[in-house]
Full PDB file with SEQRES, HELIX, SHEET, SSBOND, CRYST1, ORIGX, SCALE, CONECT and MASTER records, all heavy atoms in Angstrom:
SEQRES   1 A   37  GLY HIS SER ILE PRO LYS GLU ILE SER VAL GLY LEU GLU          
SEQRES   2 A   37  GLU SER ASP ALA ILE ILE ILE LEU TYR SER LYS ASN TYR          
SEQRES   3 A   37  LYS ASP SER THR TYR CYS ASN ASP GLU TRP GLU                  
HELIX    1 AA1 ILE A    4  GLU A   14  1                                  11    
HELIX    2 AA2 LYS A   24  LYS A   27  1                                   4    
HELIX    3 AA3 THR A   30  TRP A   36  1                                   7    
CRYST1    1.000    1.000    1.000  90.00  90.00  90.00 P 1           1          
ORIGX1      1.000000  0.000000  0.000000        0.00000                         
ORIGX2      0.000000  1.000000  0.000000        0.00000                         
ORIGX3      0.000000  0.000000  1.000000        0.00000                         
SCALE1      1.000000  0.000000  0.000000        0.00000                         
SCALE2      0.000000  1.000000  0.000000        0.00000                         
SCALE3      0.000000  0.000000  1.000000        0.00000                         
ATOM      1  N   GLY A   1      38.105  47.136   3.497  1.00  0.00           N  
ATOM      2  CA  GLY A   1      37.543  47.165   2.158  1.00  0.00           C  
ATOM      3  C   GLY A   1      37.427  45.818   1.481  1.00  0.00           C  
ATOM      4  O   GLY A   1      36.796  45.699   0.436  1.00  0.00           O  
ATOM      5  N   HIS A   2      38.046  44.779   2.074  1.00  0.00           N  
ATOM      6  CA  HIS A   2      37.999  43.451   1.468  1.00  0.00           C  
ATOM      7  C   HIS A   2      36.673  42.766   1.778  1.00  0.00           C  
ATOM      8  O   HIS A   2      36.027  43.062   2.800  1.00  0.00           O  
ATOM      9  CB  HIS A   2      39.156  42.587   1.979  1.00  0.00           C  
ATOM     10  CG  HIS A   2      40.473  42.986   1.375  1.00  0.00           C  
ATOM     11  ND1 HIS A   2      41.568  42.137   1.355  1.00  0.00           N  
ATOM     12  CD2 HIS A   2      40.875  44.123   0.774  1.00  0.00           C  
ATOM     13  CE1 HIS A   2      42.592  42.745   0.772  1.00  0.00           C  
ATOM     14  NE2 HIS A   2      42.189  43.954   0.431  1.00  0.00           N  
ATOM     15  N   SER A   3      36.292  41.834   0.934  1.00  0.00           N  
ATOM     16  CA  SER A   3      35.075  41.055   1.146  1.00  0.00           C  
ATOM     17  C   SER A   3      35.306  40.033   2.257  1.00  0.00           C  
ATOM     18  O   SER A   3      36.177  39.153   2.140  1.00  0.00           O  
ATOM     19  CB  SER A   3      34.685  40.335  -0.140  1.00  0.00           C  
ATOM     20  OG  SER A   3      33.704  39.341   0.124  1.00  0.00           O  
ATOM     21  N   ILE A   4      34.544  40.131   3.347  1.00  0.00           N  
ATOM     22  CA  ILE A   4      34.713  39.225   4.472  1.00  0.00           C  
ATOM     23  C   ILE A   4      34.439  37.777   4.077  1.00  0.00           C  
ATOM     24  O   ILE A   4      35.273  36.882   4.339  1.00  0.00           O  
ATOM     25  CB  ILE A   4      33.831  39.662   5.669  1.00  0.00           C  
ATOM     26  CG1 ILE A   4      34.319  41.018   6.192  1.00  0.00           C  
ATOM     27  CG2 ILE A   4      33.886  38.608   6.784  1.00  0.00           C  
ATOM     28  CD1 ILE A   4      33.481  41.586   7.294  1.00  0.00           C  
ATOM     29  N   PRO A   5      33.288  37.459   3.440  1.00  0.00           N  
ATOM     30  CA  PRO A   5      33.021  36.062   3.050  1.00  0.00           C  
ATOM     31  C   PRO A   5      34.088  35.493   2.115  1.00  0.00           C  
ATOM     32  O   PRO A   5      34.497  34.340   2.271  1.00  0.00           O  
ATOM     33  CB  PRO A   5      31.657  36.149   2.349  1.00  0.00           C  
ATOM     34  CG  PRO A   5      31.020  37.354   2.913  1.00  0.00           C  
ATOM     35  CD  PRO A   5      32.137  38.329   3.130  1.00  0.00           C  
ATOM     36  N   LYS A   6      34.569  36.329   1.170  1.00  0.00           N  
ATOM     37  CA  LYS A   6      35.579  35.857   0.223  1.00  0.00           C  
ATOM     38  C   LYS A   6      36.887  35.541   0.932  1.00  0.00           C  
ATOM     39  O   LYS A   6      37.522  34.492   0.684  1.00  0.00           O  
ATOM     40  CB  LYS A   6      35.805  36.911  -0.859  1.00  0.00           C  
ATOM     41  CG  LYS A   6      36.856  36.478  -1.888  1.00  0.00           C  
ATOM     42  CD  LYS A   6      37.051  37.564  -2.960  1.00  0.00           C  
ATOM     43  CE  LYS A   6      38.126  37.136  -3.949  1.00  0.00           C  
ATOM     44  NZ  LYS A   6      38.350  38.175  -4.989  1.00  0.00           N  
ATOM     45  N   GLU A   7      37.325  36.412   1.827  1.00  0.00           N  
ATOM     46  CA  GLU A   7      38.599  36.209   2.530  1.00  0.00           C  
ATOM     47  C   GLU A   7      38.524  34.990   3.451  1.00  0.00           C  
ATOM     48  O   GLU A   7      39.480  34.229   3.565  1.00  0.00           O  
ATOM     49  CB  GLU A   7      38.961  37.461   3.343  1.00  0.00           C  
ATOM     50  CG  GLU A   7      39.295  38.679   2.492  1.00  0.00           C  
ATOM     51  CD  GLU A   7      40.474  38.459   1.578  1.00  0.00           C  
ATOM     52  OE1 GLU A   7      41.428  37.783   1.990  1.00  0.00           O  
ATOM     53  OE2 GLU A   7      40.437  38.956   0.440  1.00  0.00           O  
ATOM     54  N   ILE A   8      37.380  34.808   4.104  1.00  0.00           N  
ATOM     55  CA  ILE A   8      37.199  33.630   4.957  1.00  0.00           C  
ATOM     56  C   ILE A   8      37.250  32.369   4.123  1.00  0.00           C  
ATOM     57  O   ILE A   8      37.874  31.352   4.506  1.00  0.00           O  
ATOM     58  CB  ILE A   8      35.866  33.728   5.732  1.00  0.00           C  
ATOM     59  CG1 ILE A   8      35.964  34.813   6.811  1.00  0.00           C  
ATOM     60  CG2 ILE A   8      35.518  32.372   6.372  1.00  0.00           C  
ATOM     61  CD1 ILE A   8      34.667  35.045   7.559  1.00  0.00           C  
ATOM     62  N   SER A   9      36.611  32.391   2.970  1.00  0.00           N  
ATOM     63  CA  SER A   9      36.601  31.237   2.069  1.00  0.00           C  
ATOM     64  C   SER A   9      38.014  30.877   1.634  1.00  0.00           C  
ATOM     65  O   SER A   9      38.408  29.706   1.633  1.00  0.00           O  
ATOM     66  CB  SER A   9      35.730  31.534   0.850  1.00  0.00           C  
ATOM     67  OG  SER A   9      35.737  30.439  -0.044  1.00  0.00           O  
ATOM     68  N   VAL A  10      38.805  31.911   1.272  1.00  0.00           N  
ATOM     69  CA  VAL A  10      40.200  31.672   0.856  1.00  0.00           C  
ATOM     70  C   VAL A  10      41.001  31.121   2.035  1.00  0.00           C  
ATOM     71  O   VAL A  10      41.820  30.190   1.870  1.00  0.00           O  
ATOM     72  CB  VAL A  10      40.843  32.987   0.353  1.00  0.00           C  
ATOM     73  CG1 VAL A  10      42.340  32.818   0.139  1.00  0.00           C  
ATOM     74  CG2 VAL A  10      40.169  33.425  -0.948  1.00  0.00           C  
ATOM     75  N   GLY A  11      40.783  31.675   3.216  1.00  0.00           N  
ATOM     76  CA  GLY A  11      41.490  31.203   4.415  1.00  0.00           C  
ATOM     77  C   GLY A  11      41.217  29.736   4.697  1.00  0.00           C  
ATOM     78  O   GLY A  11      42.134  28.967   5.023  1.00  0.00           O  
ATOM     79  N   LEU A  12      39.968  29.335   4.566  1.00  0.00           N  
ATOM     80  CA  LEU A  12      39.606  27.934   4.797  1.00  0.00           C  
ATOM     81  C   LEU A  12      40.210  27.027   3.723  1.00  0.00           C  
ATOM     82  O   LEU A  12      40.703  25.932   4.018  1.00  0.00           O  
ATOM     83  CB  LEU A  12      38.084  27.782   4.804  1.00  0.00           C  
ATOM     84  CG  LEU A  12      37.359  28.378   6.022  1.00  0.00           C  
ATOM     85  CD1 LEU A  12      35.851  28.425   5.776  1.00  0.00           C  
ATOM     86  CD2 LEU A  12      37.657  27.554   7.273  1.00  0.00           C  
ATOM     87  N   GLU A  13      40.177  27.489   2.493  1.00  0.00           N  
ATOM     88  CA  GLU A  13      40.705  26.709   1.367  1.00  0.00           C  
ATOM     89  C   GLU A  13      42.198  26.430   1.553  1.00  0.00           C  
ATOM     90  O   GLU A  13      42.676  25.328   1.256  1.00  0.00           O  
ATOM     91  CB  GLU A  13      40.499  27.458   0.054  1.00  0.00           C  
ATOM     92  CG  GLU A  13      39.067  27.518  -0.430  1.00  0.00           C  
ATOM     93  CD  GLU A  13      38.695  26.319  -1.280  1.00  0.00           C  
ATOM     94  OE1 GLU A  13      39.585  25.484  -1.542  1.00  0.00           O  
ATOM     95  OE2 GLU A  13      37.518  26.203  -1.653  1.00  0.00           O  
ATOM     96  N   GLU A  14      42.927  27.419   2.035  1.00  0.00           N  
ATOM     97  CA  GLU A  14      44.386  27.317   2.110  1.00  0.00           C  
ATOM     98  C   GLU A  14      44.895  26.696   3.414  1.00  0.00           C  
ATOM     99  O   GLU A  14      46.100  26.501   3.569  1.00  0.00           O  
ATOM    100  CB  GLU A  14      45.009  28.704   1.934  1.00  0.00           C  
ATOM    101  CG  GLU A  14      44.774  29.313   0.561  1.00  0.00           C  
ATOM    102  CD  GLU A  14      45.393  30.687   0.411  1.00  0.00           C  
ATOM    103  OE1 GLU A  14      45.843  31.244   1.451  1.00  0.00           O  
ATOM    104  OE2 GLU A  14      45.449  31.207  -0.717  1.00  0.00           O  
ATOM    105  N   SER A  15      43.995  26.380   4.317  1.00  0.00           N  
ATOM    106  CA  SER A  15      44.416  25.865   5.619  1.00  0.00           C  
ATOM    107  C   SER A  15      44.435  24.337   5.665  1.00  0.00           C  
ATOM    108  O   SER A  15      43.606  23.679   5.060  1.00  0.00           O  
ATOM    109  CB  SER A  15      43.476  26.395   6.712  1.00  0.00           C  
ATOM    110  OG  SER A  15      43.597  27.796   6.842  1.00  0.00           O  
ATOM    111  N   ASP A  16      45.397  23.822   6.421  1.00  0.00           N  
ATOM    112  CA  ASP A  16      45.513  22.369   6.610  1.00  0.00           C  
ATOM    113  C   ASP A  16      44.540  21.888   7.672  1.00  0.00           C  
ATOM    114  O   ASP A  16      44.229  20.697   7.716  1.00  0.00           O  
ATOM    115  CB  ASP A  16      46.940  22.034   7.039  1.00  0.00           C  
ATOM    116  CG  ASP A  16      47.976  22.480   6.025  1.00  0.00           C  
ATOM    117  OD1 ASP A  16      47.976  21.944   4.904  1.00  0.00           O  
ATOM    118  OD2 ASP A  16      48.765  23.386   6.339  1.00  0.00           O  
ATOM    119  N   ALA A  17      44.109  22.795   8.535  1.00  0.00           N  
ATOM    120  CA  ALA A  17      43.197  22.410   9.618  1.00  0.00           C  
ATOM    121  C   ALA A  17      42.455  23.639  10.126  1.00  0.00           C  
ATOM    122  O   ALA A  17      42.814  24.781   9.779  1.00  0.00           O  
ATOM    123  CB  ALA A  17      43.996  21.763  10.750  1.00  0.00           C  
ATOM    124  N   ILE A  18      41.435  23.399  10.932  1.00  0.00           N  
ATOM    125  CA  ILE A  18      40.690  24.491  11.547  1.00  0.00           C  
ATOM    126  C   ILE A  18      40.646  24.256  13.059  1.00  0.00           C  
ATOM    127  O   ILE A  18      40.342  23.159  13.526  1.00  0.00           O  
ATOM    128  CB  ILE A  18      39.259  24.604  10.983  1.00  0.00           C  
ATOM    129  CG1 ILE A  18      38.513  25.783  11.617  1.00  0.00           C  
ATOM    130  CG2 ILE A  18      38.485  23.302  11.147  1.00  0.00           C  
ATOM    131  CD1 ILE A  18      37.152  26.072  10.979  1.00  0.00           C  
ATOM    132  N   ILE A  19      41.027  25.269  13.814  1.00  0.00           N  
ATOM    133  CA  ILE A  19      40.915  25.239  15.280  1.00  0.00           C  
ATOM    134  C   ILE A  19      39.610  25.940  15.640  1.00  0.00           C  
ATOM    135  O   ILE A  19      39.387  27.092  15.249  1.00  0.00           O  
ATOM    136  CB  ILE A  19      42.099  25.943  15.951  1.00  0.00           C  
ATOM    137  CG1 ILE A  19      43.402  25.203  15.658  1.00  0.00           C  
ATOM    138  CG2 ILE A  19      41.885  26.056  17.462  1.00  0.00           C  
ATOM    139  CD1 ILE A  19      44.648  25.931  16.148  1.00  0.00           C  
ATOM    140  N   ILE A  20      38.775  25.266  16.387  1.00  0.00           N  
ATOM    141  CA  ILE A  20      37.478  25.834  16.781  1.00  0.00           C  
ATOM    142  C   ILE A  20      37.521  26.178  18.258  1.00  0.00           C  
ATOM    143  O   ILE A  20      37.666  25.299  19.115  1.00  0.00           O  
ATOM    144  CB  ILE A  20      36.335  24.828  16.528  1.00  0.00           C  
ATOM    145  CG1 ILE A  20      36.299  24.439  15.033  1.00  0.00           C  
ATOM    146  CG2 ILE A  20      35.013  25.388  16.971  1.00  0.00           C  
ATOM    147  CD1 ILE A  20      35.360  23.290  14.735  1.00  0.00           C  
ATOM    148  N   LEU A  21      37.437  27.463  18.579  1.00  0.00           N  
ATOM    149  CA  LEU A  21      37.356  27.899  19.982  1.00  0.00           C  
ATOM    150  C   LEU A  21      35.878  27.953  20.345  1.00  0.00           C  
ATOM    151  O   LEU A  21      35.221  28.989  20.224  1.00  0.00           O  
ATOM    152  CB  LEU A  21      38.034  29.263  20.144  1.00  0.00           C  
ATOM    153  CG  LEU A  21      39.514  29.346  19.768  1.00  0.00           C  
ATOM    154  CD1 LEU A  21      40.053  30.729  20.067  1.00  0.00           C  
ATOM    155  CD2 LEU A  21      40.322  28.274  20.468  1.00  0.00           C  
ATOM    156  N   TYR A  22      35.380  26.797  20.776  1.00  0.00           N  
ATOM    157  CA  TYR A  22      33.933  26.663  20.972  1.00  0.00           C  
ATOM    158  C   TYR A  22      33.507  27.155  22.348  1.00  0.00           C  
ATOM    159  O   TYR A  22      33.973  26.676  23.387  1.00  0.00           O  
ATOM    160  CB  TYR A  22      33.512  25.194  20.812  1.00  0.00           C  
ATOM    161  CG  TYR A  22      32.043  25.045  20.520  1.00  0.00           C  
ATOM    162  CD1 TYR A  22      31.562  25.203  19.218  1.00  0.00           C  
ATOM    163  CD2 TYR A  22      31.134  24.789  21.529  1.00  0.00           C  
ATOM    164  CE1 TYR A  22      30.198  25.093  18.946  1.00  0.00           C  
ATOM    165  CE2 TYR A  22      29.772  24.682  21.264  1.00  0.00           C  
ATOM    166  CZ  TYR A  22      29.324  24.830  19.974  1.00  0.00           C  
ATOM    167  OH  TYR A  22      27.978  24.740  19.695  1.00  0.00           O  
ATOM    168  N   SER A  23      32.634  28.150  22.341  1.00  0.00           N  
ATOM    169  CA  SER A  23      32.142  28.775  23.573  1.00  0.00           C  
ATOM    170  C   SER A  23      30.662  29.087  23.404  1.00  0.00           C  
ATOM    171  O   SER A  23      30.068  28.829  22.354  1.00  0.00           O  
ATOM    172  CB  SER A  23      32.916  30.061  23.847  1.00  0.00           C  
ATOM    173  OG  SER A  23      32.667  31.011  22.820  1.00  0.00           O  
ATOM    174  N   LYS A  24      30.063  29.655  24.438  1.00  0.00           N  
ATOM    175  CA  LYS A  24      28.643  30.048  24.345  1.00  0.00           C  
ATOM    176  C   LYS A  24      28.473  31.109  23.253  1.00  0.00           C  
ATOM    177  O   LYS A  24      27.492  31.098  22.512  1.00  0.00           O  
ATOM    178  CB  LYS A  24      28.173  30.592  25.695  1.00  0.00           C  
ATOM    179  CG  LYS A  24      28.151  29.533  26.783  1.00  0.00           C  
ATOM    180  CD  LYS A  24      27.831  30.126  28.151  1.00  0.00           C  
ATOM    181  CE  LYS A  24      27.887  29.055  29.229  1.00  0.00           C  
ATOM    182  NZ  LYS A  24      27.680  29.607  30.589  1.00  0.00           N  
ATOM    183  N   ASN A  25      29.429  32.029  23.189  1.00  0.00           N  
ATOM    184  CA  ASN A  25      29.361  33.074  22.158  1.00  0.00           C  
ATOM    185  C   ASN A  25      29.511  32.461  20.759  1.00  0.00           C  
ATOM    186  O   ASN A  25      28.865  32.892  19.808  1.00  0.00           O  
ATOM    187  CB  ASN A  25      30.454  34.114  22.396  1.00  0.00           C  
ATOM    188  CG  ASN A  25      30.197  34.945  23.636  1.00  0.00           C  
ATOM    189  OD1 ASN A  25      29.177  35.605  23.755  1.00  0.00           O  
ATOM    190  ND2 ASN A  25      31.119  34.900  24.567  1.00  0.00           N  
ATOM    191  N   TYR A  26      30.379  31.466  20.654  1.00  0.00           N  
ATOM    192  CA  TYR A  26      30.584  30.802  19.375  1.00  0.00           C  
ATOM    193  C   TYR A  26      29.291  30.100  18.939  1.00  0.00           C  
ATOM    194  O   TYR A  26      28.877  30.202  17.776  1.00  0.00           O  
ATOM    195  CB  TYR A  26      31.710  29.788  19.503  1.00  0.00           C  
ATOM    196  CG  TYR A  26      32.195  29.217  18.172  1.00  0.00           C  
ATOM    197  CD1 TYR A  26      33.360  29.671  17.592  1.00  0.00           C  
ATOM    198  CD2 TYR A  26      31.488  28.211  17.528  1.00  0.00           C  
ATOM    199  CE1 TYR A  26      33.821  29.154  16.391  1.00  0.00           C  
ATOM    200  CE2 TYR A  26      31.921  27.685  16.333  1.00  0.00           C  
ATOM    201  CZ  TYR A  26      33.082  28.156  15.756  1.00  0.00           C  
ATOM    202  OH  TYR A  26      33.517  27.647  14.551  1.00  0.00           O  
ATOM    203  N   LYS A  27      28.691  29.394  19.856  1.00  0.00           N  
ATOM    204  CA  LYS A  27      27.469  28.647  19.545  1.00  0.00           C  
ATOM    205  C   LYS A  27      26.376  29.561  19.004  1.00  0.00           C  
ATOM    206  O   LYS A  27      25.620  29.157  18.109  1.00  0.00           O  
ATOM    207  CB  LYS A  27      26.961  27.943  20.820  1.00  0.00           C  
ATOM    208  CG  LYS A  27      25.672  27.139  20.611  1.00  0.00           C  
ATOM    209  CD  LYS A  27      25.197  26.526  21.906  1.00  0.00           C  
ATOM    210  CE  LYS A  27      23.869  25.778  21.685  1.00  0.00           C  
ATOM    211  NZ  LYS A  27      23.372  25.194  22.949  1.00  0.00           N  
ATOM    212  N   ASP A  28      26.298  30.780  19.539  1.00  0.00           N  
ATOM    213  CA  ASP A  28      25.248  31.711  19.138  1.00  0.00           C  
ATOM    214  C   ASP A  28      25.581  32.506  17.880  1.00  0.00           C  
ATOM    215  O   ASP A  28      24.768  33.319  17.426  1.00  0.00           O  
ATOM    216  CB  ASP A  28      24.949  32.680  20.286  1.00  0.00           C  
ATOM    217  CG  ASP A  28      24.392  31.979  21.519  1.00  0.00           C  
ATOM    218  OD1 ASP A  28      23.796  30.891  21.358  1.00  0.00           O  
ATOM    219  OD2 ASP A  28      24.549  32.515  22.630  1.00  0.00           O  
ATOM    220  N   SER A  29      26.776  32.297  17.331  1.00  0.00           N  
ATOM    221  CA  SER A  29      27.200  33.062  16.155  1.00  0.00           C  
ATOM    222  C   SER A  29      26.968  32.282  14.871  1.00  0.00           C  
ATOM    223  O   SER A  29      27.531  31.211  14.668  1.00  0.00           O  
ATOM    224  CB  SER A  29      28.687  33.419  16.269  1.00  0.00           C  
ATOM    225  OG  SER A  29      29.167  33.952  15.066  1.00  0.00           O  
ATOM    226  N   THR A  30      26.160  32.829  13.992  1.00  0.00           N  
ATOM    227  CA  THR A  30      25.907  32.199  12.688  1.00  0.00           C  
ATOM    228  C   THR A  30      27.174  32.125  11.868  1.00  0.00           C  
ATOM    229  O   THR A  30      27.468  31.103  11.234  1.00  0.00           O  
ATOM    230  CB  THR A  30      24.838  32.993  11.902  1.00  0.00           C  
ATOM    231  OG1 THR A  30      23.641  33.048  12.665  1.00  0.00           O  
ATOM    232  CG2 THR A  30      24.562  32.330  10.556  1.00  0.00           C  
ATOM    233  N   TYR A  31      27.975  33.211  11.859  1.00  0.00           N  
ATOM    234  CA  TYR A  31      29.210  33.238  11.080  1.00  0.00           C  
ATOM    235  C   TYR A  31      30.168  32.139  11.542  1.00  0.00           C  
ATOM    236  O   TYR A  31      30.797  31.459  10.716  1.00  0.00           O  
ATOM    237  CB  TYR A  31      29.895  34.600  11.214  1.00  0.00           C  
ATOM    238  CG  TYR A  31      29.191  35.704  10.488  1.00  0.00           C  
ATOM    239  CD1 TYR A  31      28.538  36.719  11.175  1.00  0.00           C  
ATOM    240  CD2 TYR A  31      29.173  35.745   9.086  1.00  0.00           C  
ATOM    241  CE1 TYR A  31      27.870  37.749  10.500  1.00  0.00           C  
ATOM    242  CE2 TYR A  31      28.519  36.773   8.413  1.00  0.00           C  
ATOM    243  CZ  TYR A  31      27.867  37.765   9.121  1.00  0.00           C  
ATOM    244  OH  TYR A  31      27.209  38.764   8.447  1.00  0.00           O  
ATOM    245  N   CYS A  32      30.328  31.979  12.865  1.00  0.00           N  
ATOM    246  CA  CYS A  32      31.247  30.970  13.387  1.00  0.00           C  
ATOM    247  C   CYS A  32      30.817  29.570  12.963  1.00  0.00           C  
ATOM    248  O   CYS A  32      31.630  28.767  12.518  1.00  0.00           O  
ATOM    249  CB  CYS A  32      31.316  31.067  14.913  1.00  0.00           C  
ATOM    250  SG  CYS A  32      32.159  32.537  15.540  1.00  0.00           S  
ATOM    251  N   ASN A  33      29.542  29.279  13.112  1.00  0.00           N  
ATOM    252  CA  ASN A  33      29.057  27.949  12.730  1.00  0.00           C  
ATOM    253  C   ASN A  33      29.191  27.708  11.238  1.00  0.00           C  
ATOM    254  O   ASN A  33      29.472  26.589  10.800  1.00  0.00           O  
ATOM    255  CB  ASN A  33      27.601  27.793  13.180  1.00  0.00           C  
ATOM    256  CG  ASN A  33      27.482  27.563  14.674  1.00  0.00           C  
ATOM    257  OD1 ASN A  33      27.770  26.490  15.178  1.00  0.00           O  
ATOM    258  ND2 ASN A  33      27.086  28.596  15.407  1.00  0.00           N  
ATOM    259  N   ASP A  34      29.011  28.752  10.452  1.00  0.00           N  
ATOM    260  CA  ASP A  34      29.208  28.625   8.996  1.00  0.00           C  
ATOM    261  C   ASP A  34      30.640  28.229   8.659  1.00  0.00           C  
ATOM    262  O   ASP A  34      30.889  27.452   7.724  1.00  0.00           O  
ATOM    263  CB  ASP A  34      28.869  29.929   8.300  1.00  0.00           C  
ATOM    264  CG  ASP A  34      27.350  30.174   8.193  1.00  0.00           C  
ATOM    265  OD1 ASP A  34      26.593  29.219   8.459  1.00  0.00           O  
ATOM    266  OD2 ASP A  34      26.962  31.309   7.857  1.00  0.00           O  
ATOM    267  N   GLU A  35      31.623  28.755   9.434  1.00  0.00           N  
ATOM    268  CA  GLU A  35      33.022  28.469   9.153  1.00  0.00           C  
ATOM    269  C   GLU A  35      33.371  27.005   9.337  1.00  0.00           C  
ATOM    270  O   GLU A  35      33.904  26.358   8.427  1.00  0.00           O  
ATOM    271  CB  GLU A  35      33.919  29.336  10.069  1.00  0.00           C  
ATOM    272  CG  GLU A  35      33.915  30.812   9.682  1.00  0.00           C  
ATOM    273  CD  GLU A  35      34.637  31.683  10.693  1.00  0.00           C  
ATOM    274  OE1 GLU A  35      35.142  31.168  11.711  1.00  0.00           O  
ATOM    275  OE2 GLU A  35      34.686  32.910  10.471  1.00  0.00           O  
ATOM    276  N   TRP A  36      33.031  26.437  10.508  1.00  0.00           N  
ATOM    277  CA  TRP A  36      33.424  25.047  10.723  1.00  0.00           C  
ATOM    278  C   TRP A  36      32.585  24.108   9.888  1.00  0.00           C  
ATOM    279  O   TRP A  36      33.078  23.049   9.434  1.00  0.00           O  
ATOM    280  CB  TRP A  36      33.386  24.690  12.215  1.00  0.00           C  
ATOM    281  CG  TRP A  36      32.037  24.370  12.810  1.00  0.00           C  
ATOM    282  CD1 TRP A  36      31.253  25.185  13.553  1.00  0.00           C  
ATOM    283  CD2 TRP A  36      31.331  23.116  12.734  1.00  0.00           C  
ATOM    284  NE1 TRP A  36      30.097  24.547  13.922  1.00  0.00           N  
ATOM    285  CE2 TRP A  36      30.130  23.269  13.449  1.00  0.00           C  
ATOM    286  CE3 TRP A  36      31.580  21.897  12.128  1.00  0.00           C  
ATOM    287  CZ2 TRP A  36      29.181  22.251  13.570  1.00  0.00           C  
ATOM    288  CZ3 TRP A  36      30.657  20.870  12.250  1.00  0.00           C  
ATOM    289  CH2 TRP A  36      29.465  21.049  12.962  1.00  0.00           C  
ATOM    290  N   GLU A  37      31.318  24.443   9.648  1.00  0.00           N  
ATOM    291  CA  GLU A  37      30.483  23.579   8.809  1.00  0.00           C  
ATOM    292  C   GLU A  37      30.980  23.560   7.368  1.00  0.00           C  
ATOM    293  O   GLU A  37      30.979  22.521   6.706  1.00  0.00           O  
ATOM    294  CB  GLU A  37      29.030  24.059   8.864  1.00  0.00           C  
ATOM    295  CG  GLU A  37      28.357  23.762  10.211  1.00  0.00           C  
ATOM    296  CD  GLU A  37      26.983  24.397  10.323  1.00  0.00           C  
ATOM    297  OE1 GLU A  37      26.528  25.033   9.352  1.00  0.00           O  
ATOM    298  OE2 GLU A  37      26.345  24.233  11.386  1.00  0.00           O  
TER     299      GLU A  37                                                      
MASTER        0    0    0    3    0    0    0    6  298    1    0    3          
END                                                                             
């Protein structure tokens, strides 16, 4: 029931770093690219 974009935004805001598991599936995912960008 939580807002996915809002929770992701909060997660990014509160994190000291981001680990990117970059794969073919990751490259093709708009959501994944939005996160690291």
